[in-house]
N, C-alpha and C. Protein backbone atom coordinates (compact mmCIF):
# COMPACT_ATOMS: atom_id res chain seq x y z
N MET A 1 0.52 -5.71 -6.44
CA MET A 1 -0.75 -5.58 -5.75
C MET A 1 -0.75 -4.32 -4.92
N SER A 2 -1.78 -3.56 -4.92
CA SER A 2 -1.89 -2.33 -4.15
C SER A 2 -2.15 -2.66 -2.69
N ASN A 3 -2.26 -1.65 -1.82
CA ASN A 3 -2.52 -1.81 -0.44
C ASN A 3 -3.97 -1.69 -0.18
N GLU A 4 -4.85 -1.92 -1.17
CA GLU A 4 -6.35 -1.78 -1.05
C GLU A 4 -6.95 -3.15 -1.39
N ALA A 5 -8.09 -3.34 -0.70
CA ALA A 5 -8.96 -4.53 -1.03
C ALA A 5 -10.35 -4.03 -1.22
N LEU A 6 -11.02 -4.65 -2.13
CA LEU A 6 -12.48 -4.46 -2.33
C LEU A 6 -13.17 -5.57 -1.67
N LEU A 7 -14.01 -5.22 -0.65
CA LEU A 7 -14.79 -6.24 0.02
C LEU A 7 -16.18 -6.27 -0.59
N VAL A 8 -16.49 -7.42 -1.21
CA VAL A 8 -17.87 -7.59 -1.80
C VAL A 8 -18.51 -8.55 -0.84
N MET A 9 -19.56 -8.07 -0.13
CA MET A 9 -20.05 -8.76 1.05
C MET A 9 -21.53 -9.19 0.95
N ASP A 10 -21.74 -10.42 1.23
CA ASP A 10 -23.08 -11.03 1.35
C ASP A 10 -23.88 -10.97 0.06
N VAL A 11 -23.20 -11.06 -1.07
CA VAL A 11 -23.93 -11.13 -2.36
C VAL A 11 -24.06 -12.61 -2.73
N GLN A 12 -24.60 -13.35 -1.82
CA GLN A 12 -24.75 -14.77 -2.04
C GLN A 12 -26.22 -15.08 -2.33
N ARG A 13 -26.46 -16.19 -2.99
CA ARG A 13 -27.78 -16.56 -3.52
C ARG A 13 -28.88 -16.44 -2.50
N GLY A 14 -28.64 -16.92 -1.24
CA GLY A 14 -29.65 -16.93 -0.24
C GLY A 14 -30.02 -15.51 0.21
N ILE A 15 -29.20 -14.52 -0.13
CA ILE A 15 -29.50 -13.12 0.26
C ILE A 15 -30.01 -12.37 -1.01
N THR A 16 -29.33 -12.46 -2.11
CA THR A 16 -29.83 -11.75 -3.30
C THR A 16 -31.24 -12.21 -3.69
N SER A 17 -31.52 -13.43 -3.49
CA SER A 17 -32.91 -13.92 -3.87
C SER A 17 -33.97 -13.31 -3.00
N ARG A 18 -33.70 -12.66 -1.93
CA ARG A 18 -34.72 -12.08 -1.09
C ARG A 18 -35.12 -10.65 -1.59
N PHE A 19 -34.40 -10.13 -2.54
CA PHE A 19 -34.72 -8.81 -3.09
C PHE A 19 -35.31 -8.96 -4.49
N ASN A 20 -36.61 -8.61 -4.57
CA ASN A 20 -37.34 -8.75 -5.84
C ASN A 20 -36.94 -7.67 -6.81
N THR A 21 -36.60 -6.50 -6.31
CA THR A 21 -36.10 -5.41 -7.14
C THR A 21 -34.78 -4.90 -6.64
N GLY A 22 -33.97 -4.48 -7.56
CA GLY A 22 -32.71 -3.86 -7.20
C GLY A 22 -31.49 -4.73 -7.25
N SER A 23 -31.67 -6.04 -6.98
CA SER A 23 -30.42 -6.84 -6.89
C SER A 23 -29.79 -7.17 -8.28
N ASP A 24 -30.56 -7.27 -9.34
CA ASP A 24 -30.03 -7.50 -10.64
C ASP A 24 -29.11 -6.35 -11.09
N GLU A 25 -29.58 -5.12 -10.98
CA GLU A 25 -28.79 -3.96 -11.35
C GLU A 25 -27.63 -3.80 -10.37
N LEU A 26 -27.80 -4.06 -9.11
CA LEU A 26 -26.71 -4.00 -8.14
C LEU A 26 -25.60 -4.95 -8.49
N LEU A 27 -25.91 -6.18 -8.86
CA LEU A 27 -24.93 -7.19 -9.21
C LEU A 27 -24.20 -6.80 -10.44
N LYS A 28 -24.86 -6.23 -11.43
CA LYS A 28 -24.12 -5.75 -12.63
C LYS A 28 -23.14 -4.67 -12.32
N THR A 29 -23.58 -3.74 -11.43
CA THR A 29 -22.68 -2.64 -11.05
C THR A 29 -21.52 -3.19 -10.23
N ILE A 30 -21.73 -4.08 -9.35
CA ILE A 30 -20.69 -4.70 -8.57
C ILE A 30 -19.69 -5.39 -9.52
N LYS A 31 -20.20 -6.17 -10.49
CA LYS A 31 -19.31 -6.80 -11.48
C LYS A 31 -18.42 -5.75 -12.18
N LYS A 32 -18.96 -4.65 -12.56
CA LYS A 32 -18.14 -3.60 -13.21
C LYS A 32 -17.08 -3.12 -12.25
N VAL A 33 -17.38 -2.95 -10.99
CA VAL A 33 -16.37 -2.47 -9.94
C VAL A 33 -15.35 -3.53 -9.74
N VAL A 34 -15.79 -4.82 -9.60
CA VAL A 34 -14.79 -5.93 -9.39
C VAL A 34 -13.80 -6.03 -10.56
N GLU A 35 -14.34 -5.88 -11.77
CA GLU A 35 -13.45 -5.96 -12.93
C GLU A 35 -12.42 -4.79 -12.95
N ALA A 36 -12.91 -3.59 -12.59
CA ALA A 36 -12.04 -2.42 -12.51
C ALA A 36 -11.01 -2.63 -11.43
N ALA A 37 -11.41 -3.12 -10.28
CA ALA A 37 -10.46 -3.36 -9.17
C ALA A 37 -9.38 -4.34 -9.67
N ARG A 38 -9.74 -5.44 -10.26
CA ARG A 38 -8.74 -6.34 -10.78
C ARG A 38 -7.83 -5.74 -11.79
N ASP A 39 -8.34 -4.90 -12.69
CA ASP A 39 -7.54 -4.23 -13.69
C ASP A 39 -6.54 -3.26 -13.09
N ASN A 40 -6.82 -2.78 -11.87
CA ASN A 40 -6.00 -1.83 -11.18
C ASN A 40 -5.31 -2.40 -9.97
N ASP A 41 -5.04 -3.66 -9.96
CA ASP A 41 -4.27 -4.36 -8.90
C ASP A 41 -4.88 -4.21 -7.50
N VAL A 42 -6.25 -4.08 -7.37
CA VAL A 42 -6.91 -4.03 -6.13
C VAL A 42 -7.51 -5.47 -5.91
N LEU A 43 -7.19 -6.05 -4.75
CA LEU A 43 -7.64 -7.40 -4.44
C LEU A 43 -9.09 -7.45 -4.12
N PRO A 44 -9.95 -8.14 -4.98
CA PRO A 44 -11.35 -8.34 -4.56
C PRO A 44 -11.46 -9.54 -3.56
N ILE A 45 -12.15 -9.32 -2.49
CA ILE A 45 -12.37 -10.35 -1.53
C ILE A 45 -13.89 -10.52 -1.33
N PHE A 46 -14.33 -11.70 -1.51
CA PHE A 46 -15.80 -11.97 -1.40
C PHE A 46 -16.03 -12.51 -0.03
N ILE A 47 -17.01 -11.89 0.70
CA ILE A 47 -17.32 -12.30 2.06
C ILE A 47 -18.71 -12.90 2.00
N ARG A 48 -18.89 -14.03 2.74
CA ARG A 48 -20.19 -14.66 2.75
C ARG A 48 -20.51 -15.18 4.16
N VAL A 49 -21.77 -15.26 4.48
CA VAL A 49 -22.24 -15.93 5.70
C VAL A 49 -22.28 -17.44 5.41
N ALA A 50 -21.62 -18.23 6.27
CA ALA A 50 -21.62 -19.65 6.12
C ALA A 50 -21.39 -20.29 7.50
N PHE A 51 -22.28 -21.21 7.83
CA PHE A 51 -22.18 -21.88 9.16
C PHE A 51 -21.89 -23.36 9.00
N ARG A 52 -21.51 -23.97 10.08
CA ARG A 52 -21.23 -25.41 10.12
C ARG A 52 -22.55 -26.19 9.94
N PRO A 53 -22.57 -27.29 9.26
CA PRO A 53 -23.79 -28.05 9.15
C PRO A 53 -24.36 -28.50 10.45
N ASP A 54 -23.52 -28.76 11.47
CA ASP A 54 -24.02 -29.21 12.76
C ASP A 54 -24.51 -28.05 13.66
N GLY A 55 -24.42 -26.83 13.25
CA GLY A 55 -24.97 -25.66 13.91
C GLY A 55 -24.24 -25.27 15.21
N LEU A 56 -23.05 -25.80 15.45
CA LEU A 56 -22.32 -25.47 16.65
C LEU A 56 -21.88 -24.02 16.75
N ASP A 57 -21.87 -23.35 15.62
CA ASP A 57 -21.40 -21.95 15.65
C ASP A 57 -22.55 -20.98 15.69
N ILE A 58 -23.77 -21.45 16.01
CA ILE A 58 -24.95 -20.56 16.10
C ILE A 58 -25.51 -20.70 17.54
N ASN A 59 -25.71 -19.53 18.10
CA ASN A 59 -26.40 -19.46 19.40
C ASN A 59 -27.87 -19.18 19.11
N THR A 60 -28.74 -19.95 19.76
CA THR A 60 -30.17 -19.82 19.55
C THR A 60 -30.72 -18.43 19.97
N THR A 61 -29.96 -17.70 20.77
CA THR A 61 -30.39 -16.33 21.16
C THR A 61 -30.08 -15.28 20.10
N ASN A 62 -29.33 -15.58 19.11
CA ASN A 62 -28.98 -14.65 18.04
C ASN A 62 -30.20 -14.45 17.12
N LYS A 63 -30.83 -13.30 17.23
CA LYS A 63 -32.05 -13.01 16.49
C LYS A 63 -31.90 -13.07 15.00
N ILE A 64 -30.72 -12.66 14.56
CA ILE A 64 -30.46 -12.55 13.03
C ILE A 64 -30.26 -13.98 12.51
N PHE A 65 -29.42 -14.74 13.11
CA PHE A 65 -28.93 -15.97 12.50
C PHE A 65 -29.62 -17.28 12.99
N ALA A 66 -30.21 -17.25 14.10
CA ALA A 66 -30.80 -18.51 14.61
C ALA A 66 -31.79 -19.17 13.66
N ASN A 67 -32.61 -18.33 13.00
CA ASN A 67 -33.64 -18.89 12.16
C ASN A 67 -33.19 -19.27 10.72
N ILE A 68 -32.04 -18.75 10.31
CA ILE A 68 -31.57 -18.98 8.96
C ILE A 68 -30.35 -19.89 8.89
N ALA A 69 -29.74 -20.17 10.02
CA ALA A 69 -28.50 -20.93 10.12
C ALA A 69 -28.53 -22.23 9.30
N THR A 70 -29.64 -22.94 9.41
CA THR A 70 -29.61 -24.28 8.73
C THR A 70 -29.59 -24.17 7.24
N SER A 71 -30.08 -23.05 6.60
CA SER A 71 -29.99 -22.93 5.20
C SER A 71 -28.70 -22.29 4.72
N PHE A 72 -27.92 -21.66 5.56
CA PHE A 72 -26.64 -21.03 5.20
C PHE A 72 -25.50 -21.92 5.66
N THR A 73 -25.51 -23.19 5.33
CA THR A 73 -24.42 -24.06 5.69
C THR A 73 -23.60 -24.53 4.49
N HIS A 74 -22.36 -24.95 4.75
CA HIS A 74 -21.58 -25.45 3.72
C HIS A 74 -22.29 -26.57 2.94
N GLY A 75 -22.24 -26.45 1.59
CA GLY A 75 -22.91 -27.39 0.78
C GLY A 75 -24.31 -26.90 0.27
N SER A 76 -24.79 -25.80 0.87
CA SER A 76 -26.10 -25.22 0.48
C SER A 76 -25.85 -24.19 -0.63
N GLU A 77 -26.85 -24.14 -1.52
CA GLU A 77 -26.79 -23.14 -2.58
C GLU A 77 -26.91 -21.72 -2.03
N ASP A 78 -27.53 -21.58 -0.85
CA ASP A 78 -27.67 -20.23 -0.25
C ASP A 78 -26.40 -19.52 0.02
N ILE A 79 -25.31 -20.27 0.23
CA ILE A 79 -24.03 -19.59 0.55
C ILE A 79 -23.18 -19.29 -0.71
N GLU A 80 -23.62 -19.78 -1.85
CA GLU A 80 -22.88 -19.54 -3.12
C GLU A 80 -22.89 -18.05 -3.51
N ILE A 81 -21.71 -17.46 -3.78
CA ILE A 81 -21.67 -16.11 -4.26
C ILE A 81 -22.44 -16.05 -5.60
N ASP A 82 -23.28 -15.09 -5.78
CA ASP A 82 -24.06 -14.90 -6.99
C ASP A 82 -23.07 -14.69 -8.16
N LYS A 83 -23.12 -15.50 -9.20
CA LYS A 83 -22.17 -15.42 -10.32
C LYS A 83 -22.30 -14.09 -11.07
N SER A 84 -23.44 -13.43 -11.00
CA SER A 84 -23.65 -12.20 -11.74
C SER A 84 -22.73 -11.03 -11.28
N CYS A 85 -22.14 -11.18 -10.07
CA CYS A 85 -21.27 -10.11 -9.56
C CYS A 85 -19.85 -10.21 -10.01
N GLY A 86 -19.50 -11.21 -10.85
CA GLY A 86 -18.16 -11.28 -11.40
C GLY A 86 -17.19 -12.16 -10.59
N VAL A 87 -17.67 -12.91 -9.68
CA VAL A 87 -16.79 -13.81 -8.89
C VAL A 87 -16.21 -14.87 -9.90
N ARG A 88 -14.93 -15.22 -9.57
CA ARG A 88 -14.23 -16.24 -10.34
C ARG A 88 -13.88 -17.37 -9.42
N GLU A 89 -13.58 -18.53 -10.04
CA GLU A 89 -13.22 -19.74 -9.28
C GLU A 89 -12.04 -19.48 -8.34
N ASP A 90 -11.08 -18.67 -8.83
CA ASP A 90 -9.80 -18.47 -8.03
C ASP A 90 -9.89 -17.29 -7.11
N ASP A 91 -11.04 -16.62 -6.99
CA ASP A 91 -11.14 -15.49 -6.10
C ASP A 91 -11.10 -15.95 -4.64
N LEU A 92 -10.65 -15.04 -3.81
CA LEU A 92 -10.61 -15.24 -2.39
C LEU A 92 -12.05 -15.09 -1.84
N ILE A 93 -12.52 -16.16 -1.16
CA ILE A 93 -13.84 -16.11 -0.56
C ILE A 93 -13.58 -16.39 0.94
N ILE A 94 -14.12 -15.51 1.78
CA ILE A 94 -13.91 -15.65 3.24
C ILE A 94 -15.28 -15.87 3.85
N ASP A 95 -15.39 -16.87 4.70
CA ASP A 95 -16.68 -17.14 5.41
C ASP A 95 -16.66 -16.42 6.75
N LYS A 96 -17.81 -15.87 7.06
CA LYS A 96 -17.96 -15.20 8.35
C LYS A 96 -19.12 -15.84 9.13
N LYS A 97 -19.14 -15.61 10.41
CA LYS A 97 -20.22 -16.25 11.28
C LYS A 97 -21.24 -15.25 11.85
N ARG A 98 -20.94 -13.98 11.65
CA ARG A 98 -21.85 -12.99 12.25
C ARG A 98 -21.99 -11.82 11.20
N VAL A 99 -22.57 -10.69 11.59
CA VAL A 99 -22.84 -9.62 10.66
C VAL A 99 -21.59 -9.01 10.05
N SER A 100 -20.63 -8.56 10.83
CA SER A 100 -19.42 -7.90 10.35
C SER A 100 -18.60 -8.90 9.63
N ALA A 101 -17.91 -8.45 8.59
CA ALA A 101 -17.00 -9.31 7.77
C ALA A 101 -15.85 -9.79 8.66
N PHE A 102 -15.55 -9.13 9.74
CA PHE A 102 -14.50 -9.49 10.60
C PHE A 102 -14.81 -10.56 11.62
N SER A 103 -16.10 -10.71 11.91
CA SER A 103 -16.58 -11.64 13.01
C SER A 103 -16.61 -13.07 12.58
N GLY A 104 -15.79 -13.83 13.26
CA GLY A 104 -15.72 -15.26 13.01
C GLY A 104 -15.11 -15.62 11.67
N SER A 105 -14.20 -14.77 11.18
CA SER A 105 -13.59 -14.96 9.89
C SER A 105 -12.04 -14.80 10.01
N GLY A 106 -11.38 -15.09 8.92
CA GLY A 106 -9.93 -14.86 8.88
C GLY A 106 -9.56 -13.60 8.15
N LEU A 107 -10.55 -12.72 7.97
CA LEU A 107 -10.32 -11.49 7.18
C LEU A 107 -9.13 -10.65 7.69
N ALA A 108 -9.07 -10.37 9.03
CA ALA A 108 -8.05 -9.51 9.58
C ALA A 108 -6.71 -10.13 9.25
N LEU A 109 -6.54 -11.42 9.37
CA LEU A 109 -5.27 -12.08 9.14
C LEU A 109 -4.86 -11.85 7.68
N VAL A 110 -5.74 -12.06 6.76
CA VAL A 110 -5.51 -11.85 5.35
C VAL A 110 -5.09 -10.43 5.07
N LEU A 111 -5.80 -9.52 5.60
CA LEU A 111 -5.51 -8.09 5.36
C LEU A 111 -4.07 -7.70 5.85
N ARG A 112 -3.79 -8.18 7.10
CA ARG A 112 -2.46 -7.87 7.64
C ARG A 112 -1.38 -8.57 6.84
N SER A 113 -1.57 -9.78 6.41
CA SER A 113 -0.62 -10.56 5.66
C SER A 113 -0.35 -9.90 4.28
N GLN A 114 -1.29 -9.27 3.73
CA GLN A 114 -1.17 -8.59 2.44
C GLN A 114 -0.84 -7.11 2.53
N LYS A 115 -0.64 -6.62 3.79
CA LYS A 115 -0.30 -5.23 4.10
C LYS A 115 -1.40 -4.29 3.47
N ILE A 116 -2.64 -4.68 3.64
CA ILE A 116 -3.77 -3.83 3.15
C ILE A 116 -4.11 -2.84 4.23
N ASP A 117 -4.25 -1.58 3.81
CA ASP A 117 -4.60 -0.52 4.81
C ASP A 117 -5.83 0.25 4.37
N THR A 118 -6.33 -0.04 3.19
CA THR A 118 -7.51 0.62 2.67
C THR A 118 -8.57 -0.39 2.22
N LEU A 119 -9.80 -0.15 2.68
CA LEU A 119 -10.84 -1.11 2.30
C LEU A 119 -11.99 -0.31 1.62
N THR A 120 -12.45 -0.95 0.51
CA THR A 120 -13.65 -0.36 -0.17
C THR A 120 -14.71 -1.37 0.01
N LEU A 121 -15.90 -0.90 0.53
CA LEU A 121 -16.98 -1.79 0.92
C LEU A 121 -18.19 -1.69 -0.01
N CYS A 122 -18.80 -2.85 -0.26
CA CYS A 122 -20.05 -2.89 -0.97
C CYS A 122 -20.76 -4.16 -0.52
N GLY A 123 -22.14 -4.21 -0.75
CA GLY A 123 -22.83 -5.43 -0.48
C GLY A 123 -24.25 -5.25 0.09
N ILE A 124 -24.77 -6.33 0.51
CA ILE A 124 -26.18 -6.39 1.06
C ILE A 124 -26.09 -6.90 2.44
N ALA A 125 -26.58 -6.25 3.40
CA ALA A 125 -27.41 -5.04 3.36
C ALA A 125 -26.58 -3.86 3.91
N THR A 126 -26.99 -2.71 3.46
CA THR A 126 -26.38 -1.45 3.91
C THR A 126 -26.43 -1.37 5.51
N SER A 127 -27.55 -1.71 6.04
CA SER A 127 -27.72 -1.63 7.54
C SER A 127 -27.23 -2.83 8.23
N GLY A 128 -26.73 -3.81 7.51
CA GLY A 128 -26.17 -5.04 8.12
C GLY A 128 -24.62 -5.09 7.99
N VAL A 129 -24.24 -5.86 7.02
CA VAL A 129 -22.82 -6.13 6.86
C VAL A 129 -22.00 -4.89 6.52
N VAL A 130 -22.59 -3.94 5.75
CA VAL A 130 -21.83 -2.78 5.36
C VAL A 130 -21.60 -1.90 6.59
N LEU A 131 -22.63 -1.62 7.32
CA LEU A 131 -22.55 -0.81 8.57
C LEU A 131 -21.64 -1.43 9.58
N SER A 132 -21.81 -2.72 9.88
CA SER A 132 -21.03 -3.42 10.90
C SER A 132 -19.54 -3.51 10.52
N THR A 133 -19.31 -3.80 9.28
CA THR A 133 -17.89 -3.91 8.79
C THR A 133 -17.23 -2.53 8.79
N LEU A 134 -17.96 -1.52 8.38
CA LEU A 134 -17.38 -0.16 8.35
C LEU A 134 -17.01 0.25 9.80
N ARG A 135 -17.91 0.03 10.72
CA ARG A 135 -17.61 0.47 12.08
C ARG A 135 -16.39 -0.22 12.65
N GLN A 136 -16.35 -1.56 12.46
CA GLN A 136 -15.20 -2.33 12.96
C GLN A 136 -13.89 -1.93 12.21
N ALA A 137 -14.01 -1.81 10.95
CA ALA A 137 -12.79 -1.48 10.18
C ALA A 137 -12.28 -0.04 10.58
N ALA A 138 -13.16 0.88 10.85
CA ALA A 138 -12.80 2.18 11.33
C ALA A 138 -12.07 2.10 12.66
N ASP A 139 -12.60 1.29 13.53
CA ASP A 139 -11.96 1.10 14.84
C ASP A 139 -10.59 0.43 14.72
N LEU A 140 -10.35 -0.31 13.64
CA LEU A 140 -9.06 -0.94 13.36
C LEU A 140 -8.17 -0.05 12.53
N ASP A 141 -8.57 1.17 12.29
CA ASP A 141 -7.77 2.21 11.60
C ASP A 141 -7.56 2.05 10.15
N PHE A 142 -8.50 1.36 9.45
CA PHE A 142 -8.39 1.23 8.04
C PHE A 142 -8.91 2.52 7.37
N LYS A 143 -8.34 2.90 6.25
CA LYS A 143 -8.90 3.98 5.43
C LYS A 143 -10.07 3.27 4.68
N LEU A 144 -11.21 4.01 4.58
CA LEU A 144 -12.43 3.37 4.11
C LEU A 144 -13.17 4.11 2.96
N ASN A 145 -13.64 3.36 2.05
CA ASN A 145 -14.55 3.80 1.04
C ASN A 145 -15.77 2.99 1.03
N VAL A 146 -16.91 3.54 0.72
CA VAL A 146 -18.13 2.79 0.44
C VAL A 146 -18.70 3.19 -0.90
N ILE A 147 -19.04 2.13 -1.68
CA ILE A 147 -19.57 2.46 -2.97
C ILE A 147 -21.11 2.44 -2.91
N SER A 148 -21.67 3.68 -2.95
CA SER A 148 -23.12 3.80 -2.70
C SER A 148 -24.01 3.01 -3.61
N ASP A 149 -23.79 2.93 -4.85
CA ASP A 149 -24.62 2.25 -5.76
C ASP A 149 -24.30 0.73 -5.84
N CYS A 150 -23.47 0.28 -4.99
CA CYS A 150 -23.17 -1.14 -4.88
C CYS A 150 -23.57 -1.61 -3.52
N CYS A 151 -24.48 -0.90 -2.85
CA CYS A 151 -25.07 -1.33 -1.58
C CYS A 151 -26.57 -1.36 -1.78
N LEU A 152 -27.21 -2.20 -0.98
CA LEU A 152 -28.62 -2.35 -1.09
C LEU A 152 -29.21 -2.67 0.28
N ASP A 153 -30.36 -2.24 0.58
CA ASP A 153 -31.02 -2.42 1.84
C ASP A 153 -32.50 -2.63 1.62
N ALA A 154 -33.18 -3.37 2.45
CA ALA A 154 -34.61 -3.54 2.38
C ALA A 154 -35.38 -2.29 2.72
N ASP A 155 -34.74 -1.42 3.50
CA ASP A 155 -35.40 -0.18 3.92
C ASP A 155 -34.70 1.00 3.20
N PRO A 156 -35.30 1.60 2.24
CA PRO A 156 -34.72 2.70 1.48
C PRO A 156 -34.34 3.89 2.33
N LEU A 157 -35.15 4.17 3.34
CA LEU A 157 -34.86 5.35 4.19
C LEU A 157 -33.54 5.08 5.04
N VAL A 158 -33.47 3.87 5.62
CA VAL A 158 -32.27 3.53 6.41
C VAL A 158 -31.04 3.59 5.49
N HIS A 159 -31.12 3.00 4.27
CA HIS A 159 -30.10 3.05 3.32
C HIS A 159 -29.62 4.44 3.02
N SER A 160 -30.54 5.32 2.80
CA SER A 160 -30.21 6.70 2.44
C SER A 160 -29.56 7.45 3.64
N VAL A 161 -30.10 7.28 4.84
CA VAL A 161 -29.55 7.91 6.03
C VAL A 161 -28.08 7.40 6.26
N LEU A 162 -27.86 6.12 6.13
CA LEU A 162 -26.54 5.64 6.35
C LEU A 162 -25.54 6.23 5.33
N LEU A 163 -25.91 6.17 4.07
CA LEU A 163 -25.03 6.69 3.02
C LEU A 163 -24.80 8.13 3.04
N GLU A 164 -25.82 8.90 3.47
CA GLU A 164 -25.74 10.37 3.39
C GLU A 164 -25.24 10.97 4.72
N LYS A 165 -25.60 10.36 5.85
CA LYS A 165 -25.35 10.94 7.20
C LYS A 165 -24.29 10.23 8.05
N VAL A 166 -24.40 8.91 8.07
CA VAL A 166 -23.58 8.15 8.96
C VAL A 166 -22.23 7.74 8.41
N PHE A 167 -22.23 7.11 7.26
CA PHE A 167 -20.98 6.60 6.61
C PHE A 167 -19.95 7.74 6.38
N PRO A 168 -20.35 8.91 5.92
CA PRO A 168 -19.32 9.95 5.58
C PRO A 168 -18.54 10.34 6.85
N ARG A 169 -18.97 10.07 8.02
CA ARG A 169 -18.15 10.38 9.23
C ARG A 169 -16.91 9.49 9.32
N GLN A 170 -16.92 8.33 8.74
CA GLN A 170 -15.83 7.41 8.82
C GLN A 170 -15.28 6.94 7.47
N SER A 171 -15.91 7.35 6.38
CA SER A 171 -15.43 6.80 5.11
C SER A 171 -15.74 7.85 4.00
N GLU A 172 -15.10 7.61 2.87
CA GLU A 172 -15.50 8.32 1.66
C GLU A 172 -16.67 7.51 1.07
N VAL A 173 -17.70 8.23 0.67
CA VAL A 173 -18.87 7.56 -0.03
C VAL A 173 -18.79 7.97 -1.46
N LEU A 174 -18.63 7.02 -2.37
CA LEU A 174 -18.43 7.26 -3.73
C LEU A 174 -19.43 6.44 -4.58
N THR A 175 -19.77 6.93 -5.76
CA THR A 175 -20.52 6.07 -6.72
C THR A 175 -19.55 5.09 -7.34
N SER A 176 -20.08 4.16 -8.06
CA SER A 176 -19.17 3.18 -8.70
C SER A 176 -18.33 3.89 -9.78
N ASN A 177 -18.91 4.86 -10.50
CA ASN A 177 -18.15 5.58 -11.53
C ASN A 177 -17.03 6.43 -10.89
N GLN A 178 -17.34 7.12 -9.78
CA GLN A 178 -16.34 7.86 -9.05
C GLN A 178 -15.20 6.97 -8.56
N TYR A 179 -15.54 5.77 -8.01
CA TYR A 179 -14.59 4.84 -7.54
C TYR A 179 -13.65 4.42 -8.69
N ILE A 180 -14.26 4.01 -9.83
CA ILE A 180 -13.46 3.52 -10.94
C ILE A 180 -12.56 4.66 -11.42
N GLU A 181 -13.05 5.86 -11.51
CA GLU A 181 -12.18 7.01 -11.97
C GLU A 181 -11.03 7.17 -11.04
N GLN A 182 -11.28 7.02 -9.69
CA GLN A 182 -10.20 7.17 -8.72
C GLN A 182 -9.18 6.06 -8.91
N LEU A 183 -9.65 4.81 -9.19
CA LEU A 183 -8.69 3.71 -9.43
C LEU A 183 -7.76 4.00 -10.58
N VAL A 184 -8.39 4.40 -11.65
CA VAL A 184 -7.63 4.65 -12.91
C VAL A 184 -6.61 5.83 -12.67
N LYS A 185 -7.09 6.83 -11.98
CA LYS A 185 -6.22 8.00 -11.77
C LYS A 185 -5.03 7.59 -10.90
N ASN A 186 -5.20 6.70 -9.89
CA ASN A 186 -4.17 6.37 -8.95
C ASN A 186 -3.27 5.20 -9.40
N SER A 187 -3.56 4.63 -10.58
CA SER A 187 -2.78 3.53 -10.99
C SER A 187 -1.64 3.97 -11.94
């Protein structure tokens, strides 16, 4: 196993279903990247939002999660990773409680345990989980990549500004084809 992990974030049914356009193609592209990562000994880790059924892990003042918490609970179809992205039964799935993949999850422990120092990020939404995770991972001194065509946001302008202006300050921004070429070259 390499020292890199591919974080596939928030591509769960309750989120992908909110996008009428773009998510089908996105999921196909993510599947291609996940398969390439596996073929090149990069650990794919699927991150999802999932809360306790009793709601004890949600604060009613949280504007993002207070209204959706009851549908994103264990046992709900909304938390299931969309099968179109290439997830397998034996894949590592980590539940998080807030926007960043690190918040309320065991992600940092898994990464330290596996001696991972490089993270490649993709998922929905660019202005949500991808931005928050990138910022926190940068502060934790991870080397970072973002796969531009494996990210999606409801606001195309925000998506573009993040990928073109903000993310390059802390990560490499690559297309899926560039990322796969890099994997093959480095293996």
